[in-house]
């Protein structure tokens, strides 16, 4: 039976999609089996058109959400339907006047990542000049604002901790903001490892390099000796064999072995990340270190002698299914007319690996391609920004011009793929395996395992 002891914990599920409910309910049942008490908030349809929602329900949509709610009822778990929560007159009045984010959306707001991904645009001027982009942004603003107002109908004093899915999404991020405003502890749910069959909990962010570094150490220190080494080597072998640490084949349109024409100078290849990968992360940067990947490229340009080096900026390849134009071009515009920076566009068929294999220096702000080269035992790999493997390769973490100069002027210790085994083990094994929920590998549908 339910207990009325306070404070309790609160799980807020912000979207109706199967994976949001699957991830959340799996975590919930695991916690309940440990004796922890939770209320559940269903905020699935806040901001959605009621007619469209009802039509989709009639057509069989959101089945797993419905079966999850039924299962929660069987277990006598209190479910708060925030979708139907009523705003008071003051909240309604404020809502009409104040349709905006709690933050500026272009300054890493709760919904900035959603806006960037849905519009394919990064600058406010770009969004403002597109009718459809403005519609998308205004919808995200509306959802964030309405979600925040409805959260105000909850009594946060009843709860010691709030758990929700990782806050890259508008409503999840608004939950995090509401918790911070009310000084309520927040934990974030994310999938464990690369397979969607485990969950992991983060107290700050699943994209915070320091947090991940701590988890890497924890998993490695507590892993079974012998097995952890085998699992790490197997994971890195997979990276080398399939030529990528990502599930998305960004190299689908490249030509194997193709390289640009080189001059007679030393070659530095700088691999850029997609800015969308950073859009919702707001990573903390230590004072005096490069604050972003553009600034890091400026640092390389300063440190590398113009007469000795050419820098090849390998822009992040386009997603194979991307339909938007190159909206990040403006980020790199200042380098367009620089004689010793050669820019390789996102849609280029240049082979990124072959390019790196020809380089005297391989650099990135924090791209996982660095790991792909270390897994191949390359010695000339440096990271200029925060990355979860920096503590494993401290001699290759160069976050300032001074550090780059020191690296270039001194001999440095040899690195090995063994050095990144803890990272590889974390990537392969992190998370609590699902015990209650499963995903159909063919249809992708979520369901409860049969007991």
Protein backbone atom coordinates (compact mmCIF):
# COMPACT_ATOMS: atom_id res chain seq x y z
CA UNK A 1 0.00 0.00 0.00
CA UNK A 2 1.02 3.60 -0.52
CA UNK A 3 2.65 5.50 2.31
CA UNK A 4 1.77 9.10 3.15
CA UNK A 5 5.17 9.89 4.60
CA UNK A 6 6.71 13.08 3.27
CA UNK A 7 8.80 14.15 1.53
CA UNK A 8 8.50 11.75 -1.40
CA UNK A 9 10.19 11.59 -4.79
CA UNK A 10 8.60 12.78 -8.03
CA UNK A 11 9.01 11.31 -11.52
CA UNK A 12 7.85 13.69 -14.28
CA UNK A 13 7.20 12.19 -17.73
CA UNK A 14 6.98 14.99 -20.28
CA UNK A 15 6.19 13.29 -23.59
CA UNK A 16 3.87 10.47 -24.76
CA UNK A 17 6.50 8.64 -26.81
CA UNK A 18 7.19 5.02 -25.96
CA UNK A 19 10.85 5.51 -25.14
CA UNK A 20 10.12 8.33 -22.66
CA UNK A 21 7.66 6.09 -20.83
CA UNK A 22 9.80 2.96 -21.18
CA UNK A 23 12.90 4.63 -19.77
CA UNK A 24 10.93 6.32 -16.98
CA UNK A 25 8.83 3.32 -15.90
CA UNK A 26 11.83 0.96 -15.93
CA UNK A 27 13.66 3.35 -13.61
CA UNK A 28 10.55 3.75 -11.43
CA UNK A 29 9.99 0.02 -10.90
CA UNK A 30 13.67 -0.48 -10.10
CA UNK A 31 13.45 2.29 -7.48
CA UNK A 32 10.21 0.92 -5.99
CA UNK A 33 11.82 -2.50 -5.61
CA UNK A 34 14.50 -0.77 -3.54
CA UNK A 35 11.81 0.64 -1.24
CA UNK A 36 11.90 4.20 -2.59
CA UNK A 37 8.56 6.00 -2.88
CA UNK A 38 7.49 8.03 -5.90
CA UNK A 39 4.58 9.96 -7.27
CA UNK A 40 4.37 10.16 -11.07
CA UNK A 41 3.42 13.24 -13.08
CA UNK A 42 2.01 12.72 -16.57
CA UNK A 43 2.76 15.87 -18.59
CA UNK A 44 2.68 14.09 -21.96
CA UNK A 45 0.31 16.36 -23.84
CA UNK A 46 0.98 19.81 -22.39
CA UNK A 47 1.17 22.20 -25.33
CA UNK A 48 -0.24 19.69 -27.83
CA UNK A 49 -3.38 20.18 -29.89
CA UNK A 50 -6.17 18.23 -28.16
CA UNK A 51 -7.91 17.29 -31.42
CA UNK A 52 -4.73 15.85 -32.93
CA UNK A 53 -3.97 13.98 -29.70
CA UNK A 54 -7.47 12.43 -29.61
CA UNK A 55 -7.34 11.44 -33.27
CA UNK A 56 -3.97 9.76 -32.78
CA UNK A 57 -5.30 7.94 -29.72
CA UNK A 58 -8.27 6.66 -31.75
CA UNK A 59 -5.86 5.44 -34.42
CA UNK A 60 -3.96 3.43 -31.82
CA UNK A 61 -1.24 5.91 -30.88
CA UNK A 62 0.43 6.15 -27.46
CA UNK A 63 -0.38 2.50 -26.64
CA UNK A 64 2.57 2.04 -24.36
CA UNK A 65 1.74 5.19 -22.41
CA UNK A 66 -1.75 3.80 -21.78
CA UNK A 67 -0.46 0.36 -20.72
CA UNK A 68 2.09 2.05 -18.44
CA UNK A 69 -0.60 4.09 -16.68
CA UNK A 70 -2.67 0.92 -16.24
CA UNK A 71 0.36 -0.85 -14.76
CA UNK A 72 0.99 2.05 -12.38
CA UNK A 73 -2.63 1.86 -11.22
CA UNK A 74 -2.25 -1.88 -10.51
CA UNK A 75 0.75 -1.06 -8.32
CA UNK A 76 -1.23 1.71 -6.57
CA UNK A 77 1.26 4.37 -7.64
CA UNK A 78 -0.12 7.89 -7.48
CA UNK A 79 -0.29 9.44 -10.97
CA UNK A 80 -0.86 13.20 -11.22
CA UNK A 81 -2.36 14.19 -14.58
CA UNK A 82 -0.71 17.56 -15.17
CA UNK A 83 -2.25 17.68 -18.65
CA UNK A 84 -5.59 18.53 -17.00
CA UNK A 85 -4.24 20.82 -14.28
CA UNK A 86 -6.13 24.11 -14.16
CA UNK A 87 -4.34 27.44 -13.97
CA UNK A 88 -5.70 30.03 -11.57
CA UNK A 89 -6.73 33.49 -12.78
CA UNK A 90 -3.38 35.05 -11.95
CA UNK A 91 -1.49 32.33 -13.82
CA UNK A 92 -3.78 32.63 -16.83
CA UNK A 93 -3.33 36.40 -16.89
CA UNK A 94 0.43 36.06 -16.64
CA UNK A 95 0.41 33.36 -19.30
CA UNK A 96 -1.31 35.63 -21.80
CA UNK A 97 1.12 38.46 -21.17
CA UNK A 98 4.32 36.49 -20.85
CA UNK A 99 4.70 34.07 -23.76
CA UNK A 100 8.46 33.76 -23.61
CA UNK A 101 11.20 31.54 -22.29
CA UNK A 102 12.51 31.81 -18.79
CA UNK A 103 15.86 32.29 -20.59
CA UNK A 104 16.82 33.85 -23.92
CA UNK A 105 16.41 30.91 -26.35
CA UNK A 106 19.62 31.75 -28.21
CA UNK A 107 21.62 31.71 -24.96
CA UNK A 108 21.21 28.02 -24.16
CA UNK A 109 17.61 28.21 -23.01
CA UNK A 110 15.57 25.15 -21.97
CA UNK A 111 14.26 24.68 -25.49
CA UNK A 112 17.25 25.85 -27.47
CA UNK A 113 18.32 22.36 -28.40
CA UNK A 114 14.84 21.52 -29.67
CA UNK A 115 14.76 24.71 -31.73
CA UNK A 116 18.18 24.03 -33.22
CA UNK A 117 17.37 20.45 -34.14
CA UNK A 118 13.88 21.12 -35.49
CA UNK A 119 14.77 24.21 -37.52
CA UNK A 120 18.35 23.37 -38.43
CA UNK A 121 19.21 26.96 -37.49
CA UNK A 122 21.44 28.39 -34.79
CA UNK A 123 21.14 32.18 -34.93
CA UNK A 124 18.13 34.26 -33.94
CA UNK A 125 18.51 36.25 -37.18
CA UNK A 126 18.29 33.00 -39.17
CA UNK A 127 15.19 31.91 -37.28
CA UNK A 128 13.57 35.32 -37.63
CA UNK A 129 14.01 35.30 -41.39
CA UNK A 130 12.22 31.96 -41.79
CA UNK A 131 8.43 31.76 -41.38
CA UNK A 132 8.48 28.04 -40.52
CA UNK A 133 11.40 28.45 -38.13
CA UNK A 134 9.53 31.21 -36.28
CA UNK A 135 6.50 28.93 -35.99
CA UNK A 136 8.66 26.17 -34.52
CA UNK A 137 10.38 28.52 -32.09
CA UNK A 138 7.09 30.06 -30.98
CA UNK A 139 5.67 26.58 -30.42
CA UNK A 140 8.64 25.65 -28.23
CA UNK A 141 8.27 28.93 -26.35
CA UNK A 142 4.57 28.23 -25.82
CA UNK A 143 5.25 24.68 -24.58
CA UNK A 144 7.97 25.82 -22.20
CA UNK A 145 5.85 28.60 -20.77
CA UNK A 146 2.73 26.45 -20.35
CA UNK A 147 4.75 23.64 -18.80
CA UNK A 148 6.27 26.01 -16.27
CA UNK A 149 2.88 27.46 -15.32
CA UNK A 150 1.40 24.00 -14.83
CA UNK A 151 4.36 22.95 -12.69
CA UNK A 152 3.42 25.80 -10.37
CA UNK A 153 0.23 23.88 -9.51
CA UNK A 154 2.41 21.24 -7.83
CA UNK A 155 3.59 21.67 -4.24
CA UNK A 156 7.33 21.24 -4.56
CA UNK A 157 7.67 21.15 -0.77
CA UNK A 158 6.16 17.63 -0.85
CA UNK A 159 9.13 16.26 -2.73
CA UNK A 160 12.79 15.83 -1.90
CA UNK A 161 13.86 14.92 -5.42
CA UNK A 162 12.50 15.21 -8.98
CA UNK A 163 13.53 12.81 -11.74
CA UNK A 164 12.93 13.39 -15.45
CA UNK A 165 14.43 12.41 -18.79
CA UNK A 166 17.59 14.26 -19.80
CA UNK A 167 16.71 17.93 -20.39
CA UNK A 168 17.62 18.32 -24.05
CA UNK A 169 13.89 18.53 -24.78
CA UNK A 170 11.78 21.62 -24.16
CA UNK A 171 9.49 20.37 -21.41
CA UNK A 172 12.12 18.23 -19.67
CA UNK A 173 14.47 21.20 -19.60
CA UNK A 174 11.69 23.37 -18.20
CA UNK A 175 11.27 20.84 -15.37
CA UNK A 176 14.98 21.20 -14.60
CA UNK A 177 14.64 24.98 -14.58
CA UNK A 178 11.59 24.80 -12.26
CA UNK A 179 13.53 22.56 -9.87
CA UNK A 180 16.49 24.93 -9.79
CA UNK A 181 14.21 27.88 -9.10
CA UNK A 182 12.66 25.97 -6.19
CA UNK A 183 15.96 24.45 -4.98
CA UNK A 184 14.70 20.90 -5.46
CA UNK A 185 17.28 18.22 -6.22
CA UNK A 186 17.04 16.97 -9.81
CA UNK A 187 18.20 13.70 -11.33
CA UNK A 188 18.26 13.07 -15.07
CA UNK A 189 17.45 9.81 -16.85
CA UNK A 190 19.41 8.70 -19.89
CA UNK A 191 19.96 5.41 -21.66
CA UNK A 192 22.97 3.42 -20.50
CA UNK A 193 25.64 2.28 -22.97
CA UNK A 194 24.78 2.56 -26.68
CA UNK A 195 21.92 0.07 -26.59
CA UNK A 196 18.44 1.08 -25.42
CA UNK A 197 18.24 -1.71 -22.88
CA UNK A 198 19.65 0.00 -19.79
CA UNK A 199 19.24 3.29 -17.93
CA UNK A 200 21.72 5.60 -16.25
CA UNK A 201 21.15 8.39 -13.71
CA UNK A 202 22.96 11.74 -13.79
CA UNK A 203 22.81 14.32 -11.04
CA UNK A 204 23.94 17.24 -13.22
CA UNK A 205 24.08 16.37 -16.89
CA UNK A 206 24.84 13.33 -19.05
CA UNK A 207 26.95 15.73 -21.13
CA UNK A 208 29.04 17.15 -18.32
CA UNK A 209 32.58 15.90 -18.88
CA UNK A 210 33.46 15.95 -15.18
CA UNK A 211 30.36 13.93 -14.27
CA UNK A 212 31.07 11.35 -16.96
CA UNK A 213 34.74 11.16 -15.94
CA UNK A 214 33.62 10.26 -12.41
CA UNK A 215 31.32 7.56 -13.77
CA UNK A 216 34.09 6.21 -16.00
CA UNK A 217 36.32 5.84 -12.94
CA UNK A 218 33.52 4.28 -10.89
CA UNK A 219 32.65 1.69 -13.53
CA UNK A 220 36.28 0.79 -14.15
CA UNK A 221 37.19 0.57 -10.46
CA UNK A 222 34.17 -1.61 -9.77
CA UNK A 223 34.29 -3.71 -12.95
CA UNK A 224 35.25 -7.35 -12.84
CA UNK A 225 38.97 -7.71 -13.55
CA UNK A 226 39.51 -9.60 -16.75
CA UNK A 227 36.01 -9.03 -18.07
CA UNK A 228 36.31 -5.23 -18.09
CA UNK A 229 39.48 -5.40 -20.21
CA UNK A 230 37.84 -7.83 -22.65
CA UNK A 231 34.71 -5.65 -22.92
CA UNK A 232 36.80 -2.52 -23.49
CA UNK A 233 38.94 -4.14 -26.19
CA UNK A 234 35.84 -5.54 -27.89
CA UNK A 235 34.23 -2.10 -27.94
CA UNK A 236 37.33 -0.40 -29.40
CA UNK A 237 37.73 -3.21 -31.93
CA UNK A 238 34.17 -2.48 -33.04
CA UNK A 239 35.03 1.20 -33.51
CA UNK A 240 38.00 0.32 -35.70
CA UNK A 241 36.07 -2.25 -37.73
CA UNK A 242 33.06 -0.06 -38.48
CA UNK A 243 35.13 3.14 -38.75
CA UNK A 244 32.96 5.13 -36.36
CA UNK A 245 31.99 5.35 -32.69
CA UNK A 246 28.59 6.72 -33.69
CA UNK A 247 25.51 4.69 -34.62
CA UNK A 248 24.86 7.24 -37.37
CA UNK A 249 26.96 6.59 -40.46
CA UNK A 250 28.13 10.14 -41.12
CA UNK A 251 30.55 8.79 -43.70
CA UNK A 252 27.92 7.19 -45.87
CA UNK A 253 28.56 9.68 -48.69
CA UNK A 254 32.34 9.87 -48.45
CA UNK A 255 34.75 8.10 -50.78
CA UNK A 256 37.02 5.65 -48.96
CA UNK A 257 40.63 6.83 -49.04
CA UNK A 258 39.87 10.15 -50.73
CA UNK A 259 42.09 13.03 -49.56
CA UNK A 260 42.56 16.62 -50.65
CA UNK A 261 45.65 17.80 -52.49
CA UNK A 262 48.29 18.79 -49.93
CA UNK A 263 51.03 21.39 -50.09
CA UNK A 264 54.56 20.81 -48.82
CA UNK A 265 53.82 22.02 -45.28
CA UNK A 266 53.05 20.04 -42.14
CA UNK A 267 49.39 19.11 -41.90
CA UNK A 268 47.09 19.76 -38.95
CA UNK A 269 43.55 18.43 -39.29
CA UNK A 270 40.96 20.08 -37.04
CA UNK A 271 37.72 18.12 -36.74
CA UNK A 272 34.71 20.31 -35.97
CA UNK A 273 31.69 19.12 -34.05
CA UNK A 274 28.15 19.90 -35.08
CA UNK A 275 27.00 22.84 -32.96
CA UNK A 276 23.69 21.01 -32.42
CA UNK A 277 25.63 18.58 -30.26
CA UNK A 278 26.41 21.45 -27.88
CA UNK A 279 23.15 23.34 -28.24
CA UNK A 280 21.60 22.23 -24.98
CA UNK A 281 24.66 21.28 -22.99
CA UNK A 282 26.04 24.49 -21.49
CA UNK A 283 29.30 22.81 -20.51
CA UNK A 284 31.34 24.61 -17.83
CA UNK A 285 34.63 25.98 -19.19
CA UNK A 286 37.49 26.86 -16.87
CA UNK A 287 38.73 30.45 -17.04
CA UNK A 288 41.66 30.83 -19.43
CA UNK A 289 40.67 27.81 -21.51
CA UNK A 290 39.20 27.81 -25.00
CA UNK A 291 35.49 28.50 -24.53
CA UNK A 292 34.28 26.96 -27.79
CA UNK A 293 35.52 25.19 -30.89
CA UNK A 294 35.91 28.36 -32.96
CA UNK A 295 38.10 29.92 -30.28
CA UNK A 296 40.14 26.69 -30.18
CA UNK A 297 40.77 26.93 -33.92
CA UNK A 298 41.94 30.52 -33.44
CA UNK A 299 44.35 29.16 -30.82
CA UNK A 300 45.74 26.60 -33.26
CA UNK A 301 46.14 29.31 -35.87
CA UNK A 302 48.17 31.38 -33.41
CA UNK A 303 50.32 28.50 -32.17
CA UNK A 304 51.18 26.87 -35.52
CA UNK A 305 53.79 28.69 -37.59
CA UNK A 306 52.23 30.00 -40.79
CA UNK A 307 55.29 29.06 -42.86
CA UNK A 308 55.40 25.48 -41.57
CA UNK A 309 51.77 24.40 -41.19
CA UNK A 310 48.54 24.10 -43.15
CA UNK A 311 45.34 23.57 -41.18
CA UNK A 312 42.56 21.50 -42.72
CA UNK A 313 39.25 22.28 -41.04
CA UNK A 314 37.09 19.21 -41.49
CA UNK A 315 33.56 20.45 -40.89
CA UNK A 316 31.26 17.89 -39.28
CA UNK A 317 29.73 15.78 -42.09
CA UNK A 318 26.04 16.22 -42.76
CA UNK A 319 23.65 13.65 -41.36
CA UNK A 320 22.78 11.25 -44.21
CA UNK A 321 19.11 12.22 -43.90
CA UNK A 322 19.64 15.96 -43.34
CA UNK A 323 17.32 18.14 -45.41
CA UNK A 324 18.53 21.58 -44.32
CA UNK A 325 21.30 23.62 -45.92
CA UNK A 326 24.62 24.39 -44.25
CA UNK A 327 23.36 26.62 -41.45
CA UNK A 328 26.63 26.57 -39.48
CA UNK A 329 28.64 28.20 -42.25
CA UNK A 330 28.57 31.54 -40.42
CA UNK A 331 30.52 30.04 -37.48
CA UNK A 332 33.60 29.55 -39.65
CA UNK A 333 33.24 32.55 -41.98
CA UNK A 334 36.19 34.40 -40.42
CA UNK A 335 38.55 31.70 -41.74
CA UNK A 336 37.32 31.73 -45.34
CA UNK A 337 40.09 33.95 -46.66
CA UNK A 338 42.93 32.58 -44.56
CA UNK A 339 45.60 31.11 -46.82
CA UNK A 340 46.69 28.32 -44.52
CA UNK A 341 43.23 27.15 -43.43
CA UNK A 342 41.55 24.83 -45.92
CA UNK A 343 37.87 24.28 -45.15
CA UNK A 344 36.31 20.92 -46.05
CA UNK A 345 32.53 21.35 -46.23
CA UNK A 346 29.96 19.11 -44.50
CA UNK A 347 28.86 17.59 -47.80
CA UNK A 348 32.40 16.87 -49.01
CA UNK A 349 33.20 13.29 -49.99
CA UNK A 350 36.68 13.56 -48.43
CA UNK A 351 37.36 10.54 -46.19
CA UNK A 352 37.81 11.88 -42.64
CA UNK A 353 39.91 8.90 -41.53
CA UNK A 354 42.21 9.02 -44.55
CA UNK A 355 42.60 12.75 -43.95
CA UNK A 356 43.69 12.14 -40.35
CA UNK A 357 46.06 9.37 -41.34
CA UNK A 358 47.93 11.93 -43.46
CA UNK A 359 48.16 14.48 -40.65
CA UNK A 360 51.11 15.51 -38.52
CA UNK A 361 48.64 16.73 -35.89
CA UNK A 362 45.02 15.67 -35.26
CA UNK A 363 42.95 18.09 -33.18
CA UNK A 364 39.37 18.71 -32.11
CA UNK A 365 37.53 20.56 -29.38
CA UNK A 366 36.01 17.32 -28.13
CA UNK A 367 35.00 15.18 -31.09
CA UNK A 368 34.79 11.44 -30.50
CA UNK A 369 36.83 11.00 -33.68
CA UNK A 370 39.85 11.59 -31.43
CA UNK A 371 39.02 8.31 -29.72
CA UNK A 372 38.79 6.57 -33.08
CA UNK A 373 42.38 7.58 -33.84
CA UNK A 374 43.65 6.68 -30.35
CA UNK A 375 41.98 3.28 -30.77
CA UNK A 376 44.18 2.91 -33.85
CA UNK A 377 47.26 3.79 -31.73
CA UNK A 378 47.85 7.21 -33.33
CA UNK A 379 50.21 9.36 -31.24
CA UNK A 380 49.47 12.83 -32.63
CA UNK A 381 45.95 13.33 -31.23
CA UNK A 382 45.11 16.37 -29.09
CA UNK A 383 41.87 17.57 -27.49
CA UNK A 384 41.36 21.30 -26.96
CA UNK A 385 38.04 21.34 -25.06
CA UNK A 386 36.25 19.46 -22.28
CA UNK A 387 35.91 15.76 -23.03
CA UNK A 388 35.27 12.79 -20.71
CA UNK A 389 38.52 11.07 -21.76
CA UNK A 390 40.84 13.99 -20.95
CA UNK A 391 41.77 12.57 -17.54
CA UNK A 392 42.85 9.36 -19.28
CA UNK A 393 45.05 11.22 -21.78
CA UNK A 394 46.27 14.24 -19.75
CA UNK A 395 49.31 14.86 -21.97
CA UNK A 396 46.96 15.32 -24.96
CA UNK A 397 44.54 17.74 -23.29
CA UNK A 398 45.64 21.21 -24.48
CA UNK A 399 42.94 23.76 -23.55
CA UNK A 400 44.97 26.94 -24.19
CA UNK A 401 47.55 28.42 -26.57
CA UNK A 402 50.19 28.03 -23.85
CA UNK A 403 49.48 24.29 -23.59
CA UNK A 404 49.62 23.86 -27.38
CA UNK A 405 52.99 25.64 -27.47
CA UNK A 406 54.29 23.47 -24.64
CA UNK A 407 53.17 20.33 -26.48
CA UNK A 408 54.83 21.40 -29.72
CA UNK A 409 58.13 22.33 -28.08
CA UNK A 410 58.60 19.24 -25.90
CA UNK A 411 58.70 15.49 -26.21
CA UNK A 412 55.63 13.80 -24.77
CA UNK A 413 54.84 10.39 -23.40
CA UNK A 414 53.51 7.69 -25.67
CA UNK A 415 49.79 6.96 -25.51
CA UNK A 416 48.06 3.66 -26.15
CA UNK A 417 44.57 2.34 -26.75
CA UNK A 418 44.95 0.76 -23.30
CA UNK A 419 44.81 4.26 -21.83
CA UNK A 420 41.20 4.64 -22.98
CA UNK A 421 40.00 1.20 -21.87
CA UNK A 422 38.10 2.73 -18.91
CA UNK A 423 36.21 5.04 -21.30
CA UNK A 424 35.46 2.15 -23.65
CA UNK A 425 34.26 -0.03 -20.78
CA UNK A 426 31.94 2.74 -19.61
CA UNK A 427 30.55 3.20 -23.13
CA UNK A 428 29.95 -0.54 -23.48
CA UNK A 429 28.67 -1.42 -20.02
CA UNK A 430 27.19 1.63 -18.29
CA UNK A 431 23.65 1.62 -16.97
CA UNK A 432 21.21 -0.64 -15.12
CA UNK A 433 19.87 -3.35 -17.41
CA UNK A 434 16.13 -3.30 -18.09
CA UNK A 435 14.21 -5.95 -16.17
CA UNK A 436 10.60 -4.92 -16.78
CA UNK A 437 10.51 -3.27 -20.22
CA UNK A 438 11.64 -4.45 -23.64
CA UNK A 439 11.78 -3.09 -27.17
CA UNK A 440 10.84 -5.05 -30.28
CA UNK A 441 13.97 -4.93 -32.43
CA UNK A 442 11.92 -5.04 -35.64
CA UNK A 443 9.06 -2.62 -34.91
CA UNK A 444 10.74 -0.52 -32.21
CA UNK A 445 7.60 -0.81 -30.07
CA UNK A 446 7.87 -0.78 -26.27
CA UNK A 447 6.13 -3.35 -24.07
CA UNK A 448 6.25 -4.98 -20.64
CA UNK A 449 8.15 -8.24 -20.40
CA UNK A 450 5.97 -11.26 -19.74
CA UNK A 451 6.59 -12.64 -16.27
